[in-house]
Amino acid sequence: MNITKVCSIGLLLAPLLALQGCATTSAWLPASGPSAHDISGAGQQKNASIKVIKVDDTVIRQLEEERKHTYFSTQFPSKLGSAYFIGPGDVLSISLWEAPPATLFSSAPLDSVGGSTTRMVSFPEQMVSAEGTIDIPFAGVIHVSGRSPQQIQTLIEKKLRGKAHDPQVLVRMAQNTTATVTIVGDVGRSLQMPLTAKGDRLLDALAAAGGVKQSVGKETIQLARNGHVVSMPLKHVIQDPSQNVPLAPGDVITVTHQPLSLIVLGATTKNEELNFESQGISLAQALGRVGGLQDNRADARGVFVFRLADDTDLGVSDPKAPKTADGKVPVVYVLDMRNPGSLLMAQGFKMHNNDVLYVSNAPAAELQKFLNIVTSSVYSITSLKAIGN
């Protein structure tokens, strides 16, 4: 190569090298997304719009603790054996026994008990009124709403004391219309199930509705109580008996088949929207399903998970943290996959619905792009020079 060719190549490289010296390669080279340096820098700005959190064992444990706050057992700590309360619309069956000598119900049928005879009367079944009352002869109007059958028995006996001789009352629920739960969604049949005094649980209602239509690993179960709504994967409820919580009157159970998904971008073998099961997947599983990192391109220190997190999630409880219109906080979790321990942490890091998993390009890959541009330009100039000669 003569001095003329060298000068030509030097003149070509001069502006490129000057551009390389005054700007980062990410500013003018083609790229699929921000570099690891760009993301880390965005989190360190004074008025940062995102919060960058480095994933370690402490973060994994704290995220797992936060997940427990979304469990049925935590959000609905109901107990079995609670009183069975009567409400408007329920139908009661009431029977009364009067010890001899009967004074109030002397014309009632005789009932032999232990060698003696008592007078027994069965009142017509009564529906609890909208005001929560029933009407008992000689006892008058009695408010029964919010009381258990045993409490109503005691109340009627008290009202009849002094009128009947040692009255004994038995109150039984003939028709339950208020202590019910509703089951809808992806089940065999939607229904309204009356609760029993034994204390029905979540899976009892699901069985009464004919079970689910899809595989349990694909179904999500939602429980709504008094305006509070919590969802869990059905498989977790089956595997953990403590999540099979007792039901309360008015509960609404909804079973949905709604595949969860995350988006994978950057220096991975495949970029795609990845669907996953309702019980969730780990970061390691997500990377495995898309073929892992690209060996000749990926920055193993730049594996990021972008998430719109709840305000209660790890490290985002700062009231000054930027939030979206629906109260979510932008968070970026970063994992250094060059650290051997990160492979274990990636198994414990659980992905969320709508997460974005992004792997940045390695600095060497950006340099290779620049060299390819230079090489291509030199080759083009050399070719033109040859044609000119």
Protein backbone atom coordinates (compact mmCIF):
# COMPACT_ATOMS: atom_id res chain seq x y z
CA MET A 1 0.00 0.00 0.00
CA ASN A 2 1.56 3.35 -1.11
CA ILE A 3 1.55 6.61 0.80
CA THR A 4 -1.52 7.83 -1.13
CA LYS A 5 -3.62 4.87 0.01
CA VAL A 6 -2.47 5.28 3.60
CA CYS A 7 -3.42 8.93 3.55
CA SER A 8 -6.83 8.07 2.09
CA ILE A 9 -7.51 5.54 4.82
CA GLY A 10 -6.27 7.98 7.47
CA LEU A 11 -8.60 10.67 6.18
CA LEU A 12 -11.47 8.14 6.36
CA LEU A 13 -10.68 6.99 9.87
CA ALA A 14 -10.06 10.44 11.29
CA PRO A 15 -13.73 11.51 11.59
CA LEU A 16 -14.74 8.07 12.88
CA LEU A 17 -12.06 8.12 15.56
CA ALA A 18 -12.99 11.64 16.49
CA LEU A 19 -16.61 10.58 16.81
CA GLN A 20 -15.54 7.62 18.90
CA GLY A 21 -13.59 9.90 21.18
CA CYS A 22 -16.36 12.43 21.81
CA ALA A 23 -19.37 10.18 22.26
CA THR A 24 -20.20 6.79 23.63
CA THR A 25 -20.73 4.04 21.11
CA SER A 26 -24.32 3.62 22.29
CA ALA A 27 -25.06 7.12 21.04
CA TRP A 28 -24.44 6.37 17.39
CA LEU A 29 -23.94 2.61 16.90
CA PRO A 30 -26.92 0.32 16.21
CA ALA A 31 -28.22 -1.28 19.41
CA SER A 32 -31.16 -3.36 20.65
CA GLY A 33 -31.43 -1.42 23.90
CA PRO A 34 -29.52 0.42 26.64
CA SER A 35 -26.18 -0.76 27.93
CA ALA A 36 -25.58 -1.91 31.50
CA HIS A 37 -23.82 1.40 32.13
CA ASP A 38 -26.83 3.35 30.84
CA ILE A 39 -29.26 1.52 33.11
CA SER A 40 -27.09 1.80 36.21
CA GLY A 41 -26.53 5.48 35.51
CA ALA A 42 -30.27 6.09 35.15
CA GLY A 43 -30.83 4.72 38.64
CA GLN A 44 -28.14 6.91 40.17
CA GLN A 45 -29.43 10.22 38.85
CA LYS A 46 -30.71 12.75 41.37
CA ASN A 47 -34.30 12.63 40.10
CA ALA A 48 -34.17 9.06 38.83
CA SER A 49 -37.36 7.77 37.24
CA ILE A 50 -36.44 4.16 38.08
CA LYS A 51 -34.98 2.38 41.09
CA VAL A 52 -32.13 -0.06 40.38
CA ILE A 53 -31.70 -2.91 42.88
CA LYS A 54 -28.83 -5.38 42.79
CA VAL A 55 -30.10 -8.91 43.43
CA ASP A 56 -28.44 -10.81 46.27
CA ASP A 57 -29.46 -13.35 48.91
CA THR A 58 -31.01 -10.63 51.08
CA VAL A 59 -33.14 -9.35 48.21
CA ILE A 60 -34.30 -12.87 47.38
CA ARG A 61 -35.35 -13.52 50.99
CA GLN A 62 -37.12 -10.19 51.35
CA LEU A 63 -39.00 -10.64 48.08
CA GLU A 64 -40.12 -14.05 49.29
CA GLU A 65 -41.37 -12.48 52.52
CA GLU A 66 -43.32 -9.92 50.51
CA ARG A 67 -44.95 -12.72 48.53
CA LYS A 68 -46.33 -14.17 51.76
CA HIS A 69 -48.40 -11.01 52.23
CA THR A 70 -50.43 -12.04 49.18
CA TYR A 71 -51.32 -15.47 50.59
CA PHE A 72 -54.91 -16.35 51.50
CA SER A 73 -53.78 -17.50 54.94
CA THR A 74 -52.33 -14.04 55.60
CA GLN A 75 -55.07 -11.92 54.07
CA PHE A 76 -58.06 -13.99 55.30
CA PRO A 77 -57.13 -15.41 58.73
CA SER A 78 -60.58 -16.90 59.35
CA LYS A 79 -61.12 -19.57 61.98
CA LEU A 80 -63.31 -22.63 61.96
CA GLY A 81 -65.90 -23.12 64.63
CA SER A 82 -67.24 -19.58 64.55
CA ALA A 83 -70.93 -19.01 65.37
CA TYR A 84 -73.45 -19.66 62.63
CA PHE A 85 -75.45 -16.45 62.34
CA ILE A 86 -78.98 -16.01 61.02
CA GLY A 87 -79.88 -13.31 58.49
CA PRO A 88 -82.93 -11.92 56.64
CA GLY A 89 -84.36 -14.47 54.23
CA ASP A 90 -83.30 -17.53 56.23
CA VAL A 91 -86.07 -19.97 57.13
CA LEU A 92 -86.20 -21.29 60.71
CA SER A 93 -87.86 -24.36 62.13
CA ILE A 94 -88.80 -23.90 65.82
CA SER A 95 -90.04 -26.55 68.27
CA LEU A 96 -90.97 -26.05 71.93
CA TRP A 97 -91.35 -28.50 74.81
CA GLU A 98 -93.21 -27.61 78.00
CA ALA A 99 -92.60 -29.67 81.13
CA PRO A 100 -95.66 -31.06 83.01
CA PRO A 101 -97.93 -29.73 84.18
CA ALA A 102 -98.24 -27.74 80.95
CA THR A 103 -99.77 -24.31 81.51
CA LEU A 104 -99.42 -22.55 78.15
CA PHE A 105 -99.54 -25.34 75.58
CA SER A 106 -101.74 -27.83 77.42
CA SER A 107 -103.55 -28.76 74.22
CA ALA A 108 -100.34 -29.53 72.41
CA PRO A 109 -99.46 -33.18 71.56
CA LEU A 110 -97.88 -35.26 74.32
CA ASP A 111 -94.28 -36.33 74.06
CA SER A 112 -92.95 -39.08 76.35
CA VAL A 113 -89.53 -38.29 77.82
CA GLY A 114 -87.95 -40.53 80.50
CA GLY A 115 -91.23 -41.97 81.80
CA SER A 116 -92.95 -38.59 82.00
CA THR A 117 -94.95 -36.68 79.45
CA THR A 118 -94.26 -33.21 78.17
CA ARG A 119 -96.19 -30.98 75.83
CA MET A 120 -94.48 -30.35 72.47
CA VAL A 121 -95.47 -27.82 69.84
CA SER A 122 -93.87 -27.23 66.45
CA PHE A 123 -94.42 -23.78 65.01
CA PRO A 124 -94.79 -23.24 61.28
CA GLU A 125 -91.51 -22.53 59.55
CA GLN A 126 -90.77 -18.82 59.57
CA MET A 127 -88.73 -16.72 57.19
CA VAL A 128 -86.67 -14.03 58.84
CA SER A 129 -88.07 -10.66 57.74
CA ALA A 130 -86.09 -7.89 56.06
CA GLU A 131 -85.94 -6.25 59.50
CA GLY A 132 -84.35 -9.44 60.87
CA THR A 133 -87.31 -10.54 63.03
CA ILE A 134 -89.67 -13.50 63.54
CA ASP A 135 -92.97 -13.71 65.44
CA ILE A 136 -93.47 -16.40 68.12
CA PRO A 137 -96.89 -16.89 69.83
CA PHE A 138 -96.89 -15.51 73.40
CA ALA A 139 -93.27 -14.34 72.92
CA GLY A 140 -94.01 -11.65 70.38
CA VAL A 141 -91.64 -10.19 67.81
CA ILE A 142 -88.05 -11.34 68.31
CA HIS A 143 -85.00 -9.88 66.56
CA VAL A 144 -82.92 -12.83 65.38
CA SER A 145 -80.66 -11.38 62.68
CA GLY A 146 -76.98 -11.68 63.59
CA ARG A 147 -77.66 -14.33 66.23
CA SER A 148 -76.81 -18.02 66.22
CA PRO A 149 -79.56 -20.69 66.56
CA GLN A 150 -78.39 -21.35 70.12
CA GLN A 151 -78.71 -17.67 71.02
CA ILE A 152 -82.22 -17.55 69.53
CA GLN A 153 -83.23 -20.59 71.57
CA THR A 154 -82.13 -18.91 74.77
CA LEU A 155 -83.92 -15.69 73.81
CA ILE A 156 -87.24 -17.45 73.10
CA GLU A 157 -87.04 -19.41 76.37
CA LYS A 158 -86.45 -16.17 78.24
CA LYS A 159 -89.47 -14.54 76.56
CA LEU A 160 -91.73 -17.50 77.51
CA ARG A 161 -90.48 -17.89 81.05
CA GLY A 162 -93.35 -17.22 83.46
CA LYS A 163 -95.89 -18.03 80.76
CA ALA A 164 -94.93 -21.61 79.96
CA HIS A 165 -93.78 -24.21 82.50
CA ASP A 166 -90.00 -24.72 82.12
CA PRO A 167 -90.00 -24.20 78.32
CA GLN A 168 -87.27 -25.85 76.24
CA VAL A 169 -86.80 -24.55 72.68
CA LEU A 170 -85.02 -26.04 69.66
CA VAL A 171 -84.20 -23.76 66.70
CA ARG A 172 -83.00 -25.30 63.44
CA MET A 173 -82.04 -23.74 60.13
CA ALA A 174 -84.58 -25.08 57.63
CA GLN A 175 -83.31 -23.08 54.67
CA ASN A 176 -80.06 -21.15 54.42
CA THR A 177 -80.24 -18.21 52.04
CA THR A 178 -77.79 -15.70 53.54
CA ALA A 179 -74.75 -17.71 54.68
CA THR A 180 -73.67 -18.59 51.14
CA VAL A 181 -70.66 -18.23 48.88
CA THR A 182 -70.65 -17.76 45.12
CA ILE A 183 -68.39 -19.75 42.78
CA VAL A 184 -67.97 -18.56 39.17
CA GLY A 185 -65.46 -18.72 36.35
CA ASP A 186 -63.66 -21.65 34.76
CA VAL A 187 -65.47 -24.33 36.81
CA GLY A 188 -67.79 -27.21 36.00
CA ARG A 189 -70.84 -25.14 36.92
CA SER A 190 -71.23 -21.77 38.58
CA LEU A 191 -73.33 -21.91 41.73
CA GLN A 192 -74.22 -20.34 45.05
CA MET A 193 -73.29 -22.74 47.84
CA PRO A 194 -74.87 -22.59 51.31
CA LEU A 195 -72.33 -22.78 54.11
CA THR A 196 -72.69 -25.29 56.89
CA ALA A 197 -71.81 -25.03 60.55
CA LYS A 198 -68.86 -27.40 60.12
CA GLY A 199 -66.86 -24.64 58.40
CA ASP A 200 -66.54 -25.09 54.65
CA ARG A 201 -63.19 -24.37 53.05
CA LEU A 202 -62.09 -23.00 49.70
CA LEU A 203 -61.53 -26.37 48.03
CA ASP A 204 -64.90 -27.61 49.34
CA ALA A 205 -66.61 -24.92 47.30
CA LEU A 206 -64.47 -25.73 44.28
CA ALA A 207 -65.44 -29.40 44.51
CA ALA A 208 -69.14 -28.48 44.83
CA ALA A 209 -68.81 -26.49 41.60
CA GLY A 210 -67.54 -29.54 39.73
CA GLY A 211 -63.84 -28.70 39.84
CA VAL A 212 -61.87 -26.73 37.26
CA LYS A 213 -61.93 -27.17 33.49
CA GLN A 214 -58.18 -26.83 32.88
CA SER A 215 -55.13 -28.36 34.50
CA VAL A 216 -54.65 -27.07 38.06
CA GLY A 217 -51.26 -25.67 37.03
CA LYS A 218 -52.98 -23.30 34.59
CA GLU A 219 -55.72 -21.98 36.85
CA THR A 220 -55.75 -18.97 39.17
CA ILE A 221 -58.22 -18.75 42.04
CA GLN A 222 -59.43 -15.38 43.32
CA LEU A 223 -61.16 -14.81 46.65
CA ALA A 224 -63.12 -11.62 47.28
CA ARG A 225 -64.36 -10.77 50.79
CA ASN A 226 -65.74 -7.43 51.98
CA GLY A 227 -64.19 -5.60 49.04
CA HIS A 228 -60.76 -7.20 49.56
CA VAL A 229 -59.56 -9.28 46.59
CA VAL A 230 -56.59 -11.68 46.59
CA SER A 231 -55.47 -14.11 43.87
CA MET A 232 -53.27 -17.19 44.11
CA PRO A 233 -52.30 -20.03 41.76
CA LEU A 234 -54.65 -22.95 42.38
CA LYS A 235 -51.69 -25.33 42.47
CA HIS A 236 -50.26 -23.45 45.46
CA VAL A 237 -53.56 -23.74 47.32
CA ILE A 238 -53.60 -27.49 46.71
CA GLN A 239 -49.96 -27.97 47.73
CA ASP A 240 -50.18 -25.80 50.85
CA PRO A 241 -53.12 -26.81 53.11
CA SER A 242 -52.87 -23.54 55.07
CA GLN A 243 -54.06 -21.68 51.93
CA ASN A 244 -57.27 -23.73 51.88
CA VAL A 245 -58.89 -21.13 54.14
CA PRO A 246 -62.35 -21.36 55.76
CA LEU A 247 -65.03 -19.46 53.87
CA ALA A 248 -67.24 -16.68 55.18
CA PRO A 249 -70.77 -15.65 54.13
CA GLY A 250 -70.71 -13.45 51.06
CA ASP A 251 -67.36 -14.71 49.70
CA VAL A 252 -67.02 -14.71 45.91
CA ILE A 253 -64.67 -17.28 44.41
CA THR A 254 -63.57 -16.78 40.81
CA VAL A 255 -61.49 -19.31 38.89
CA THR A 256 -59.70 -17.96 35.82
CA HIS A 257 -57.59 -19.50 33.10
CA GLN A 258 -55.39 -16.53 32.24
CA PRO A 259 -51.88 -17.39 31.04
CA LEU A 260 -49.21 -15.12 32.50
CA SER A 261 -46.47 -13.71 30.30
CA LEU A 262 -43.22 -11.78 30.30
CA ILE A 263 -41.20 -10.18 27.51
CA VAL A 264 -37.61 -11.21 26.77
CA LEU A 265 -35.40 -8.68 24.93
CA GLY A 266 -31.75 -8.03 24.26
CA ALA A 267 -28.81 -10.42 23.95
CA THR A 268 -30.66 -13.70 24.41
CA THR A 269 -30.99 -16.51 21.90
CA LYS A 270 -34.64 -15.60 21.29
CA ASN A 271 -36.54 -12.37 21.82
CA GLU A 272 -40.20 -13.12 22.43
CA GLU A 273 -43.21 -12.85 24.67
CA LEU A 274 -42.95 -15.87 26.96
CA ASN A 275 -46.10 -17.39 28.44
CA PHE A 276 -45.79 -19.24 31.74
CA GLU A 277 -47.93 -21.17 34.18
CA SER A 278 -50.03 -19.61 36.93
CA GLN A 279 -47.73 -20.98 39.65
CA GLY A 280 -44.95 -18.87 38.15
CA ILE A 281 -41.40 -19.45 36.95
CA SER A 282 -37.98 -18.33 38.12
CA LEU A 283 -35.54 -16.09 36.29
CA ALA A 284 -33.39 -19.13 35.56
CA GLN A 285 -36.34 -20.93 33.98
CA ALA A 286 -37.20 -17.90 31.86
CA LEU A 287 -33.63 -17.69 30.53
CA GLY A 288 -33.61 -21.42 29.88
CA ARG A 289 -36.82 -21.30 27.87
CA VAL A 290 -35.44 -18.69 25.48
CA GLY A 291 -32.14 -20.50 24.97
CA GLY A 292 -30.02 -18.56 27.45
CA LEU A 293 -27.61 -15.70 26.76
CA GLN A 294 -25.85 -15.18 23.42
CA ASP A 295 -22.26 -16.16 24.11
CA ASN A 296 -20.77 -13.73 21.53
CA ARG A 297 -22.90 -10.74 22.43
CA ALA A 298 -24.35 -10.75 25.96
CA ASP A 299 -22.97 -8.89 28.95
CA ALA A 300 -23.36 -11.49 31.69
CA ARG A 301 -23.14 -8.70 34.26
CA GLY A 302 -26.11 -6.96 32.68
CA VAL A 303 -29.14 -9.20 33.20
CA PHE A 304 -32.06 -6.94 34.13
CA VAL A 305 -35.68 -7.44 35.14
CA PHE A 306 -37.87 -4.37 34.60
CA ARG A 307 -40.97 -4.40 36.80
CA LEU A 308 -43.83 -2.10 37.70
CA ALA A 309 -43.89 -3.05 41.37
CA ASP A 310 -46.42 -2.50 44.12
CA ASP A 311 -45.57 0.12 46.71
CA THR A 312 -45.05 -2.62 49.29
CA ASP A 313 -42.36 -4.40 47.26
CA LEU A 314 -38.77 -4.41 48.35
CA GLY A 315 -37.10 -1.03 48.49
CA VAL A 316 -39.89 0.98 46.86
CA SER A 317 -41.81 2.16 49.90
CA ASP A 318 -40.22 5.62 49.61
CA PRO A 319 -43.13 8.10 49.29
CA LYS A 320 -40.93 10.24 47.01
CA ALA A 321 -40.40 7.37 44.56
CA PRO A 322 -41.87 8.04 41.10
CA LYS A 323 -45.15 6.24 40.45
CA THR A 324 -47.38 5.49 37.51
CA ALA A 325 -51.01 6.57 37.28
CA ASP A 326 -52.14 3.31 38.92
CA GLY A 327 -49.71 3.64 41.84
CA LYS A 328 -46.96 1.32 40.54
CA VAL A 329 -43.27 2.04 41.05
CA PRO A 330 -40.74 1.40 38.21
CA VAL A 331 -38.04 -0.94 39.51
CA VAL A 332 -35.10 -2.60 37.76
CA TYR A 333 -33.48 -5.68 39.33
CA VAL A 334 -29.94 -6.43 38.11
CA LEU A 335 -28.15 -9.78 38.32
CA ASP A 336 -24.45 -10.40 37.66
CA MET A 337 -24.39 -13.81 35.98
CA ARG A 338 -20.58 -13.91 36.04
CA ASN A 339 -20.87 -14.64 39.75
CA PRO A 340 -21.37 -18.42 40.13
CA GLY A 341 -23.74 -17.83 43.04
CA SER A 342 -26.03 -15.88 40.72
CA LEU A 343 -27.10 -19.13 39.06
CA LEU A 344 -28.59 -20.18 42.39
CA MET A 345 -30.11 -16.75 43.02
CA ALA A 346 -31.71 -16.83 39.56
CA GLN A 347 -33.58 -19.96 40.63
CA GLY A 348 -34.98 -18.16 43.67
CA PHE A 349 -35.93 -14.94 41.86
CA LYS A 350 -39.59 -15.28 40.82
CA MET A 351 -40.82 -13.59 37.66
CA HIS A 352 -44.07 -11.61 37.68
CA ASN A 353 -46.72 -11.14 35.05
CA ASN A 354 -45.75 -8.38 32.55
CA ASP A 355 -42.08 -8.34 33.61
CA VAL A 356 -39.50 -7.38 30.97
CA LEU A 357 -36.33 -9.50 31.02
CA TYR A 358 -33.52 -7.65 29.24
CA VAL A 359 -29.88 -8.63 28.65
CA SER A 360 -27.54 -5.85 27.56
CA ASN A 361 -24.74 -6.11 25.00
CA ALA A 362 -21.18 -6.56 26.23
CA PRO A 363 -18.79 -3.59 25.65
CA ALA A 364 -16.67 -5.86 23.43
CA ALA A 365 -19.71 -6.45 21.23
CA GLU A 366 -20.12 -2.68 20.80
CA LEU A 367 -16.43 -2.41 19.90
CA GLN A 368 -16.85 -5.19 17.36
CA LYS A 369 -19.67 -3.23 15.73
CA PHE A 370 -17.40 -0.21 15.44
CA LEU A 371 -14.56 -2.25 13.94
CA ASN A 372 -16.97 -3.83 11.47
CA ILE A 373 -18.06 -0.35 10.34
CA VAL A 374 -14.44 0.76 9.97
CA THR A 375 -13.43 -2.41 8.13
CA SER A 376 -16.39 -2.15 5.81
CA SER A 377 -15.62 1.49 5.07
CA VAL A 378 -11.94 0.80 4.38
CA TYR A 379 -12.86 -2.08 2.09
CA SER A 380 -15.31 0.12 0.20
CA ILE A 381 -12.73 2.93 -0.26
CA THR A 382 -10.08 0.42 -1.34
CA SER A 383 -12.48 -1.08 -3.87
CA LEU A 384 -13.35 2.35 -5.26
CA LYS A 385 -9.67 3.23 -5.44
CA ALA A 386 -8.94 0.03 -7.35
CA ILE A 387 -11.74 0.77 -9.80
CA GLY A 388 -10.41 4.31 -10.26
CA ASN A 389 -6.97 3.00 -11.09
